[in-house]
Amino acid sequence: MDQIQDVDAYILRKEWPAPNSWLPYISACIPVDVPNIGAMTKVILENGYEFFIGMSAAAVCRAVVQRYYGGIEALRKYWKKFNRHTQSVPVPIAARALNLMPIKLRRHPQGKNDGTMGCIADRSIKMVKELPGVPNQTHILLATGHKLVAQISYPGFVNAFNQAKLFTVYLQQEGVLPYYDPTHNTGASPFVLGGPTDNPFPPQSFWPTYPPTTLEAGPSQPYGAKSSRVNPTPSSSSMPPSNPRYLTFLTDPNVLPPLSGAPPKGPPYKY
C-alpha cells in the first residue's frame, strides 16, 4: 500500500483540476494503491509538482491520448503496422517534442482495479541506471529529481526508448505528425554511456556539460535531411567509467514555460 504524505490529493471527480492545467505537462504518472481509498495515480509535472488524482494510471494515459489523437485505436493501428505489436503503445506528442513511454512501474497489482503500467515522458528523463545483480529492474532519475524503479531490464528500457523514437519518425513519414527533430530539445545526443559504481544517482556536477543544440532556422526539415545540428562528443577524460551502464539525458527547461505550482481546482470535467 502507498501512503499520501504532504502531497496534494484530488480524490473526488468534482475536485479534479482542469485537464489543460496538467495533462500537457506530465513527466510521469505512477499507479499507486492508497489505503482506504484504492487505486489512484501519482502524477509528476515538468516543474516538479506532484499530486495524487483519483483515477487509474490507465485512465490518465487514455486522457492524454484522447487529447492529442482523439483515442487510442487510431494510434494503435499505426503501432501495429510499425512493429506488429498492439500493446504498450508510445504516445508521440509533437507539441512537446517528446514521447510518453508506457513502462511497467510495479511488479504486481496491489488492490482492486490497480495496475502495474505507468508512463514516463522521455524528455523528462535525466539518467537511467542498471543495477548489477538485480535482474529486470532499471532505476530512473527524472530531471525533477524524482527517482523511479521500472520493472524492466536495462536492455529492455533502451529498446523501448529507441522504439518510441523510431515510431515518431514512422508517424512523420505517414503524415500523421509534423516533422520535428525528436532529440532537439534534449540539448545533447540522446544518451551517454558510463557511470560510477558506488552512487546510483550521481550529482549533476559529475556529468560532462554540452553546448546547446541548434537547428537551422526556417521550416522543419524532412527526416534524413541535412541540418546544422551538432552532437558534441565529450573527451575520453570526461567520460564516466563504463560499468555499470547508464543513460544520461540533459533536458532544456526553456522548451515550455514553467508552471507556477499546483494546478487550480475546478468544477468537474469530462475525461
C-alpha atoms as a PDB file:
ATOM      1  CA  MET A   1       0.000   0.000   0.000  1.00  0.00           C
ATOM      2  CA  ASP A   2       1.143   3.517  -0.771  1.00  0.00           C
ATOM      3  CA  GLN A   3       0.778   6.405   1.635  1.00  0.00           C
ATOM      4  CA  ILE A   4      -0.195  10.014   0.923  1.00  0.00           C
ATOM      5  CA  GLN A   5       2.063  12.276   2.970  1.00  0.00           C
ATOM      6  CA  ASP A   6       2.471  16.008   2.382  1.00  0.00           C
ATOM      7  CA  VAL A   7       1.262  15.639  -1.209  1.00  0.00           C
ATOM      8  CA  ASP A   8      -1.880  17.228  -2.648  1.00  0.00           C
ATOM      9  CA  ALA A   9      -4.617  14.745  -3.484  1.00  0.00           C
ATOM     10  CA  TYR A  10      -7.600  15.286  -5.787  1.00  0.00           C
ATOM     11  CA  ILE A  11      -9.665  12.252  -4.890  1.00  0.00           C
ATOM     12  CA  LEU A  12     -13.219  13.120  -5.918  1.00  0.00           C
ATOM     13  CA  ARG A  13     -14.133  13.835  -9.522  1.00  0.00           C
ATOM     14  CA  LYS A  14     -15.503  17.251  -8.556  1.00  0.00           C
ATOM     15  CA  GLU A  15     -12.048  18.145  -7.198  1.00  0.00           C
ATOM     16  CA  TRP A  16     -10.076  17.119 -10.272  1.00  0.00           C
ATOM     17  CA  PRO A  17      -8.139  20.017 -11.815  1.00  0.00           C
ATOM     18  CA  ALA A  18      -8.937  21.107 -15.357  1.00  0.00           C
ATOM     19  CA  PRO A  19      -7.224  18.839 -17.929  1.00  0.00           C
ATOM     20  CA  ASN A  20      -5.471  21.769 -19.634  1.00  0.00           C
ATOM     21  CA  SER A  21      -3.747  22.680 -16.371  1.00  0.00           C
ATOM     22  CA  TRP A  22      -1.788  19.426 -16.067  1.00  0.00           C
ATOM     23  CA  LEU A  23      -2.213  16.963 -18.945  1.00  0.00           C
ATOM     24  CA  PRO A  24       0.175  18.892 -21.267  1.00  0.00           C
ATOM     25  CA  TYR A  25       2.895  18.941 -18.589  1.00  0.00           C
ATOM     26  CA  ILE A  26       3.126  15.322 -17.427  1.00  0.00           C
ATOM     27  CA  SER A  27       6.620  13.986 -16.730  1.00  0.00           C
ATOM     28  CA  ALA A  28       5.435  10.706 -15.233  1.00  0.00           C
ATOM     29  CA  CYS A  29       2.303   9.012 -13.949  1.00  0.00           C
ATOM     30  CA  ILE A  30       2.675   6.160 -11.485  1.00  0.00           C
ATOM     31  CA  PRO A  31      -0.020   3.670 -10.398  1.00  0.00           C
ATOM     32  CA  VAL A  32      -0.491   3.579  -6.621  1.00  0.00           C
ATOM     33  CA  ASP A  33      -2.890   1.925  -4.212  1.00  0.00           C
ATOM     34  CA  VAL A  34      -3.813   4.122  -1.234  1.00  0.00           C
ATOM     35  CA  PRO A  35      -5.245   2.598   1.989  1.00  0.00           C
ATOM     36  CA  ASN A  36      -8.978   3.174   2.449  1.00  0.00           C
ATOM     37  CA  ILE A  37      -9.185   4.823  -0.991  1.00  0.00           C
ATOM     38  CA  GLY A  38      -7.999   2.329  -3.598  1.00  0.00           C
ATOM     39  CA  ALA A  39      -6.334   2.738  -6.978  1.00  0.00           C
ATOM     40  CA  MET A  40      -5.037   6.227  -7.719  1.00  0.00           C
ATOM     41  CA  THR A  41      -2.291   7.790  -9.817  1.00  0.00           C
ATOM     42  CA  LYS A  42       0.688   9.805  -8.676  1.00  0.00           C
ATOM     43  CA  VAL A  43       1.320  12.494 -11.300  1.00  0.00           C
ATOM     44  CA  ILE A  44       4.646  14.337 -11.611  1.00  0.00           C
ATOM     45  CA  LEU A  45       4.681  17.507 -13.716  1.00  0.00           C
ATOM     46  CA  GLU A  46       7.612  19.119 -15.523  1.00  0.00           C
ATOM     47  CA  ASN A  47       8.104  21.735 -12.812  1.00  0.00           C
ATOM     48  CA  GLY A  48       8.469  19.037 -10.141  1.00  0.00           C
ATOM     49  CA  TYR A  49       4.979  19.456  -8.667  1.00  0.00           C
ATOM     50  CA  GLU A  50       3.437  16.112  -7.745  1.00  0.00           C
ATOM     51  CA  PHE A  51      -0.073  15.170  -6.732  1.00  0.00           C
ATOM     52  CA  PHE A  52      -2.425  12.225  -6.449  1.00  0.00           C
ATOM     53  CA  ILE A  53      -5.563  12.039  -8.553  1.00  0.00           C
ATOM     54  CA  GLY A  54      -8.484   9.664  -8.093  1.00  0.00           C
ATOM     55  CA  MET A  55      -8.202   7.937 -11.451  1.00  0.00           C
ATOM     56  CA  SER A  56      -6.151   4.967 -12.587  1.00  0.00           C
ATOM     57  CA  ALA A  57      -2.869   5.389 -14.452  1.00  0.00           C
ATOM     58  CA  ALA A  58      -4.502   3.771 -17.481  1.00  0.00           C
ATOM     59  CA  ALA A  59      -7.255   6.415 -17.381  1.00  0.00           C
ATOM     60  CA  VAL A  60      -4.629   9.179 -17.227  1.00  0.00           C
ATOM     61  CA  CYS A  61      -2.878   7.739 -20.275  1.00  0.00           C
ATOM     62  CA  ARG A  62      -6.205   7.458 -22.112  1.00  0.00           C
ATOM     63  CA  ALA A  63      -6.929  11.109 -21.303  1.00  0.00           C
ATOM     64  CA  VAL A  64      -3.583  12.125 -22.833  1.00  0.00           C
ATOM     65  CA  VAL A  65      -4.223  10.072 -25.966  1.00  0.00           C
ATOM     66  CA  GLN A  66      -7.751  11.471 -26.227  1.00  0.00           C
ATOM     67  CA  ARG A  67      -6.377  14.996 -26.027  1.00  0.00           C
ATOM     68  CA  TYR A  68      -3.807  14.599 -28.801  1.00  0.00           C
ATOM     69  CA  TYR A  69      -5.205  11.812 -31.008  1.00  0.00           C
ATOM     70  CA  GLY A  70      -8.908  11.507 -30.235  1.00  0.00           C
ATOM     71  CA  GLY A  71      -8.497   7.937 -28.982  1.00  0.00           C
ATOM     72  CA  ILE A  72      -6.038   5.071 -28.710  1.00  0.00           C
ATOM     73  CA  GLU A  73      -7.393   2.925 -31.552  1.00  0.00           C
ATOM     74  CA  ALA A  74      -6.076   5.117 -34.366  1.00  0.00           C
ATOM     75  CA  LEU A  75      -2.631   5.260 -32.760  1.00  0.00           C
ATOM     76  CA  ARG A  76      -2.686   1.513 -32.066  1.00  0.00           C
ATOM     77  CA  LYS A  77      -3.353   0.853 -35.758  1.00  0.00           C
ATOM     78  CA  TYR A  78      -0.127   2.602 -36.733  1.00  0.00           C
ATOM     79  CA  TRP A  79       1.787   0.925 -33.895  1.00  0.00           C
ATOM     80  CA  LYS A  80       0.698  -2.482 -35.220  1.00  0.00           C
ATOM     81  CA  LYS A  81       1.804  -1.567 -38.746  1.00  0.00           C
ATOM     82  CA  PHE A  82       5.123  -0.346 -37.365  1.00  0.00           C
ATOM     83  CA  ASN A  83       6.199  -3.431 -35.383  1.00  0.00           C
ATOM     84  CA  ARG A  84       3.220  -5.853 -35.330  1.00  0.00           C
ATOM     85  CA  HIS A  85       2.535  -5.109 -31.659  1.00  0.00           C
ATOM     86  CA  THR A  86      -0.745  -3.870 -30.226  1.00  0.00           C
ATOM     87  CA  GLN A  87       0.161  -3.235 -26.576  1.00  0.00           C
ATOM     88  CA  SER A  88       2.375  -0.653 -24.812  1.00  0.00           C
ATOM     89  CA  VAL A  89       1.793   1.988 -27.476  1.00  0.00           C
ATOM     90  CA  PRO A  90       4.075   5.037 -27.020  1.00  0.00           C
ATOM     91  CA  VAL A  91       2.395   8.402 -27.447  1.00  0.00           C
ATOM     92  CA  PRO A  92       4.451  10.886 -29.505  1.00  0.00           C
ATOM     93  CA  ILE A  93       3.458  14.479 -28.725  1.00  0.00           C
ATOM     94  CA  ALA A  94       4.774  16.818 -31.403  1.00  0.00           C
ATOM     95  CA  ALA A  95       3.713  19.931 -29.488  1.00  0.00           C
ATOM     96  CA  ARG A  96       6.142  18.965 -26.711  1.00  0.00           C
ATOM     97  CA  ALA A  97       8.749  17.189 -28.871  1.00  0.00           C
ATOM     98  CA  LEU A  98       8.611  14.084 -26.689  1.00  0.00           C
ATOM     99  CA  ASN A  99       7.176  10.601 -26.314  1.00  0.00           C
ATOM    100  CA  LEU A 100       5.131   9.305 -23.406  1.00  0.00           C
ATOM    101  CA  MET A 101       6.523   5.816 -22.921  1.00  0.00           C
ATOM    102  CA  PRO A 102       4.377   3.155 -21.215  1.00  0.00           C
ATOM    103  CA  ILE A 103       6.588   1.447 -18.612  1.00  0.00           C
ATOM    104  CA  LYS A 104       5.874  -1.222 -16.015  1.00  0.00           C
ATOM    105  CA  LEU A 105       6.434   0.507 -12.658  1.00  0.00           C
ATOM    106  CA  ARG A 106       5.004  -2.126 -10.288  1.00  0.00           C
ATOM    107  CA  ARG A 107       5.583  -5.855 -10.086  1.00  0.00           C
ATOM    108  CA  HIS A 108       2.044  -6.839  -9.126  1.00  0.00           C
ATOM    109  CA  PRO A 109      -1.303  -5.089  -8.679  1.00  0.00           C
ATOM    110  CA  GLN A 110      -1.838  -4.128  -5.040  1.00  0.00           C
ATOM    111  CA  GLY A 111      -5.625  -3.933  -4.966  1.00  0.00           C
ATOM    112  CA  LYS A 112      -8.873  -3.896  -6.913  1.00  0.00           C
ATOM    113  CA  ASN A 113      -8.684  -2.019 -10.239  1.00  0.00           C
ATOM    114  CA  ASP A 114      -4.983  -1.428  -9.583  1.00  0.00           C
ATOM    115  CA  GLY A 115      -2.483  -1.676 -12.427  1.00  0.00           C
ATOM    116  CA  THR A 116       1.240  -2.051 -12.974  1.00  0.00           C
ATOM    117  CA  MET A 117       1.778   0.179 -16.006  1.00  0.00           C
ATOM    118  CA  GLY A 118       2.586   3.880 -15.850  1.00  0.00           C
ATOM    119  CA  CYS A 119       4.130   6.278 -18.327  1.00  0.00           C
ATOM    120  CA  ILE A 120       7.212   8.498 -18.467  1.00  0.00           C
ATOM    121  CA  ALA A 121       7.986  11.405 -20.796  1.00  0.00           C
ATOM    122  CA  ASP A 122      11.318  10.579 -22.416  1.00  0.00           C
ATOM    123  CA  ARG A 123      12.392  14.229 -22.427  1.00  0.00           C
ATOM    124  CA  SER A 124      11.984  14.345 -18.643  1.00  0.00           C
ATOM    125  CA  ILE A 125      14.470  11.513 -18.072  1.00  0.00           C
ATOM    126  CA  LYS A 126      17.831  12.639 -16.748  1.00  0.00           C
ATOM    127  CA  MET A 127      19.514   9.310 -16.141  1.00  0.00           C
ATOM    128  CA  VAL A 128      18.797   5.601 -16.279  1.00  0.00           C
ATOM    129  CA  LYS A 129      20.920   3.100 -14.380  1.00  0.00           C
ATOM    130  CA  GLU A 130      21.309  -0.653 -14.395  1.00  0.00           C
ATOM    131  CA  LEU A 131      21.980  -2.232 -11.005  1.00  0.00           C
ATOM    132  CA  PRO A 132      24.334  -5.238 -11.209  1.00  0.00           C
ATOM    133  CA  GLY A 133      22.809  -8.388  -9.780  1.00  0.00           C
ATOM    134  CA  VAL A 134      19.249  -7.022  -9.830  1.00  0.00           C
ATOM    135  CA  PRO A 135      17.503  -8.533 -12.860  1.00  0.00           C
ATOM    136  CA  ASN A 136      14.602  -6.845 -14.609  1.00  0.00           C
ATOM    137  CA  GLN A 137      14.904  -3.575 -12.713  1.00  0.00           C
ATOM    138  CA  THR A 138      16.061  -0.203 -14.002  1.00  0.00           C
ATOM    139  CA  HIS A 139      16.490   2.885 -11.841  1.00  0.00           C
ATOM    140  CA  ILE A 140      15.338   6.135 -13.442  1.00  0.00           C
ATOM    141  CA  LEU A 141      16.177   9.669 -12.344  1.00  0.00           C
ATOM    142  CA  LEU A 142      13.902  12.395 -13.710  1.00  0.00           C
ATOM    143  CA  ALA A 143      15.016  15.948 -14.379  1.00  0.00           C
ATOM    144  CA  THR A 144      12.742  16.960 -11.492  1.00  0.00           C
ATOM    145  CA  GLY A 145      14.835  14.880  -9.080  1.00  0.00           C
ATOM    146  CA  HIS A 146      12.260  12.119  -8.638  1.00  0.00           C
ATOM    147  CA  LYS A 147      13.594   8.557  -8.587  1.00  0.00           C
ATOM    148  CA  LEU A 148      11.604   5.690 -10.101  1.00  0.00           C
ATOM    149  CA  VAL A 149      12.198   1.956 -10.382  1.00  0.00           C
ATOM    150  CA  ALA A 150      10.938   0.378 -13.596  1.00  0.00           C
ATOM    151  CA  GLN A 151      10.225  -3.342 -13.641  1.00  0.00           C
ATOM    152  CA  ILE A 152      12.122  -3.827 -16.878  1.00  0.00           C
ATOM    153  CA  SER A 153      15.692  -4.757 -17.729  1.00  0.00           C
ATOM    154  CA  TYR A 154      18.168  -2.130 -18.857  1.00  0.00           C
ATOM    155  CA  PRO A 155      18.326  -3.512 -22.445  1.00  0.00           C
ATOM    156  CA  GLY A 156      14.533  -3.634 -22.455  1.00  0.00           C
ATOM    157  CA  PHE A 157      14.334   0.017 -21.460  1.00  0.00           C
ATOM    158  CA  VAL A 158      16.843   1.050 -24.133  1.00  0.00           C
ATOM    159  CA  ASN A 159      14.819  -0.876 -26.717  1.00  0.00           C
ATOM    160  CA  ALA A 160      11.555   0.769 -25.608  1.00  0.00           C
ATOM    161  CA  PHE A 161      13.195   4.197 -25.743  1.00  0.00           C
ATOM    162  CA  ASN A 162      14.548   3.619 -29.255  1.00  0.00           C
ATOM    163  CA  GLN A 163      11.281   2.093 -30.487  1.00  0.00           C
ATOM    164  CA  ALA A 164       9.395   5.181 -29.309  1.00  0.00           C
ATOM    165  CA  LYS A 165      11.792   7.445 -31.203  1.00  0.00           C
ATOM    166  CA  LEU A 166      11.534   5.356 -34.370  1.00  0.00           C
ATOM    167  CA  PHE A 167       7.748   5.273 -34.064  1.00  0.00           C
ATOM    168  CA  THR A 168       7.791   9.070 -34.108  1.00  0.00           C
ATOM    169  CA  VAL A 169       9.756   9.014 -37.361  1.00  0.00           C
ATOM    170  CA  TYR A 170       7.331   6.446 -38.812  1.00  0.00           C
ATOM    171  CA  LEU A 171       4.321   8.634 -37.981  1.00  0.00           C
ATOM    172  CA  GLN A 172       6.075  11.579 -39.601  1.00  0.00           C
ATOM    173  CA  GLN A 173       6.634   9.559 -42.759  1.00  0.00           C
ATOM    174  CA  GLU A 174       2.974   8.520 -42.723  1.00  0.00           C
ATOM    175  CA  GLY A 175       1.924  12.168 -42.466  1.00  0.00           C
ATOM    176  CA  VAL A 176       0.335  11.754 -39.026  1.00  0.00           C
ATOM    177  CA  LEU A 177       2.825  14.037 -37.268  1.00  0.00           C
ATOM    178  CA  PRO A 178       4.632  17.158 -38.496  1.00  0.00           C
ATOM    179  CA  TYR A 179       8.363  16.828 -38.987  1.00  0.00           C
ATOM    180  CA  TYR A 180      10.448  17.778 -35.967  1.00  0.00           C
ATOM    181  CA  ASP A 181      13.707  16.557 -34.507  1.00  0.00           C
ATOM    182  CA  PRO A 182      12.746  14.272 -31.590  1.00  0.00           C
ATOM    183  CA  THR A 183      16.186  14.771 -29.961  1.00  0.00           C
ATOM    184  CA  HIS A 184      16.396  18.550 -30.432  1.00  0.00           C
ATOM    185  CA  ASN A 185      15.046  19.565 -27.047  1.00  0.00           C
ATOM    186  CA  THR A 186      17.366  17.323 -25.034  1.00  0.00           C
ATOM    187  CA  GLY A 187      20.290  19.712 -25.519  1.00  0.00           C
ATOM    188  CA  ALA A 188      22.622  16.836 -26.403  1.00  0.00           C
ATOM    189  CA  SER A 189      22.781  13.500 -28.156  1.00  0.00           C
ATOM    190  CA  PRO A 190      20.096  11.158 -26.772  1.00  0.00           C
ATOM    191  CA  PHE A 191      22.250   9.424 -24.181  1.00  0.00           C
ATOM    192  CA  VAL A 192      25.767   8.929 -22.855  1.00  0.00           C
ATOM    193  CA  LEU A 193      27.039   5.589 -21.569  1.00  0.00           C
ATOM    194  CA  GLY A 194      29.027   5.223 -18.375  1.00  0.00           C
ATOM    195  CA  GLY A 195      28.750   5.955 -14.662  1.00  0.00           C
ATOM    196  CA  PRO A 196      30.304   5.353 -11.257  1.00  0.00           C
ATOM    197  CA  THR A 197      29.761   2.141  -9.344  1.00  0.00           C
ATOM    198  CA  ASP A 198      29.163   3.480  -5.827  1.00  0.00           C
ATOM    199  CA  ASN A 199      26.365   6.023  -6.301  1.00  0.00           C
ATOM    200  CA  PRO A 200      23.184   5.050  -8.197  1.00  0.00           C
ATOM    201  CA  PHE A 201      22.310   8.706  -8.805  1.00  0.00           C
ATOM    202  CA  PRO A 202      25.436  10.897  -9.161  1.00  0.00           C
ATOM    203  CA  PRO A 203      25.075  14.687  -8.776  1.00  0.00           C
ATOM    204  CA  GLN A 204      24.619  16.693 -11.945  1.00  0.00           C
ATOM    205  CA  SER A 205      28.120  18.161 -11.483  1.00  0.00           C
ATOM    206  CA  PHE A 206      29.560  14.695 -12.162  1.00  0.00           C
ATOM    207  CA  TRP A 207      28.406  14.622 -15.747  1.00  0.00           C
ATOM    208  CA  PRO A 208      30.112  16.465 -18.625  1.00  0.00           C
ATOM    209  CA  THR A 209      28.342  19.558 -19.925  1.00  0.00           C
ATOM    210  CA  TYR A 210      27.293  20.184 -23.512  1.00  0.00           C
ATOM    211  CA  PRO A 211      26.666  23.330 -25.515  1.00  0.00           C
ATOM    212  CA  PRO A 212      23.024  23.857 -26.531  1.00  0.00           C
ATOM    213  CA  THR A 213      21.821  22.094 -29.646  1.00  0.00           C
ATOM    214  CA  THR A 214      20.941  24.295 -32.616  1.00  0.00           C
ATOM    215  CA  LEU A 215      18.964  23.692 -35.791  1.00  0.00           C
ATOM    216  CA  GLU A 216      18.830  25.690 -38.970  1.00  0.00           C
ATOM    217  CA  ALA A 217      16.298  28.488 -38.934  1.00  0.00           C
ATOM    218  CA  GLY A 218      13.273  28.044 -41.133  1.00  0.00           C
ATOM    219  CA  PRO A 219      10.645  25.343 -41.603  1.00  0.00           C
ATOM    220  CA  SER A 220      11.054  21.840 -40.260  1.00  0.00           C
ATOM    221  CA  GLN A 221      13.058  19.529 -42.496  1.00  0.00           C
ATOM    222  CA  PRO A 222      12.091  16.047 -43.715  1.00  0.00           C
ATOM    223  CA  TYR A 223      13.586  13.078 -41.915  1.00  0.00           C
ATOM    224  CA  GLY A 224      17.124  12.459 -43.156  1.00  0.00           C
ATOM    225  CA  ALA A 225      17.704  15.986 -44.470  1.00  0.00           C
ATOM    226  CA  LYS A 226      20.999  17.634 -43.519  1.00  0.00           C
ATOM    227  CA  SER A 227      20.998  20.402 -40.945  1.00  0.00           C
ATOM    228  CA  SER A 228      23.446  22.372 -38.849  1.00  0.00           C
ATOM    229  CA  ARG A 229      22.722  20.256 -35.799  1.00  0.00           C
ATOM    230  CA  VAL A 230      25.865  19.345 -33.874  1.00  0.00           C
ATOM    231  CA  ASN A 231      26.078  16.488 -31.410  1.00  0.00           C
ATOM    232  CA  PRO A 232      29.226  17.212 -29.390  1.00  0.00           C
ATOM    233  CA  THR A 233      31.175  14.219 -28.115  1.00  0.00           C
ATOM    234  CA  PRO A 234      32.838  14.567 -24.714  1.00  0.00           C
ATOM    235  CA  SER A 235      36.522  13.784 -24.434  1.00  0.00           C
ATOM    236  CA  SER A 236      37.538  10.412 -23.051  1.00  0.00           C
ATOM    237  CA  SER A 237      38.887  12.087 -19.904  1.00  0.00           C
ATOM    238  CA  SER A 238      35.445  13.496 -19.081  1.00  0.00           C
ATOM    239  CA  MET A 239      33.575  10.249 -19.650  1.00  0.00           C
ATOM    240  CA  PRO A 240      32.477   8.287 -16.568  1.00  0.00           C
ATOM    241  CA  PRO A 241      33.602   4.676 -16.060  1.00  0.00           C
ATOM    242  CA  SER A 242      31.942   2.182 -18.364  1.00  0.00           C
ATOM    243  CA  ASN A 243      30.451  -0.237 -15.811  1.00  0.00           C
ATOM    244  CA  PRO A 244      27.609  -0.391 -14.871  1.00  0.00           C
ATOM    245  CA  ARG A 245      25.607   1.075 -17.716  1.00  0.00           C
ATOM    246  CA  TYR A 246      23.852   4.416 -17.627  1.00  0.00           C
ATOM    247  CA  LEU A 247      21.745   6.611 -19.842  1.00  0.00           C
ATOM    248  CA  THR A 248      22.148  10.315 -19.144  1.00  0.00           C
ATOM    249  CA  PHE A 249      19.739  12.878 -20.565  1.00  0.00           C
ATOM    250  CA  LEU A 250      20.259  16.621 -20.438  1.00  0.00           C
ATOM    251  CA  THR A 251      16.964  18.479 -20.665  1.00  0.00           C
ATOM    252  CA  ASP A 252      16.214  22.010 -21.754  1.00  0.00           C
ATOM    253  CA  PRO A 253      13.944  23.729 -19.183  1.00  0.00           C
ATOM    254  CA  ASN A 254      13.065  26.501 -21.634  1.00  0.00           C
ATOM    255  CA  VAL A 255      11.054  24.362 -24.051  1.00  0.00           C
ATOM    256  CA  LEU A 256       7.796  25.029 -22.194  1.00  0.00           C
ATOM    257  CA  PRO A 257       7.108  27.926 -19.833  1.00  0.00           C
ATOM    258  CA  PRO A 258       7.496  26.824 -16.209  1.00  0.00           C
ATOM    259  CA  LEU A 259       4.347  26.154 -14.237  1.00  0.00           C
ATOM    260  CA  SER A 260       3.610  28.318 -11.218  1.00  0.00           C
ATOM    261  CA  GLY A 261       2.858  25.326  -8.994  1.00  0.00           C
ATOM    262  CA  ALA A 262      -0.207  23.270  -8.330  1.00  0.00           C
ATOM    263  CA  PRO A 263      -2.934  23.175 -10.964  1.00  0.00           C
ATOM    264  CA  PRO A 264      -6.031  25.003  -9.755  1.00  0.00           C
ATOM    265  CA  LYS A 265      -9.008  23.024  -8.543  1.00  0.00           C
ATOM    266  CA  GLY A 266     -12.129  23.459 -10.572  1.00  0.00           C
ATOM    267  CA  PRO A 267     -15.566  22.110 -11.393  1.00  0.00           C
ATOM    268  CA  PRO A 268     -15.968  18.579 -12.750  1.00  0.00           C
ATOM    269  CA  TYR A 269     -14.509  17.948 -16.182  1.00  0.00           C
ATOM    270  CA  LYS A 270     -15.232  15.151 -18.590  1.00  0.00           C
ATOM    271  CA  TYR A 271     -12.205  12.907 -19.041  1.00  0.00           C
END
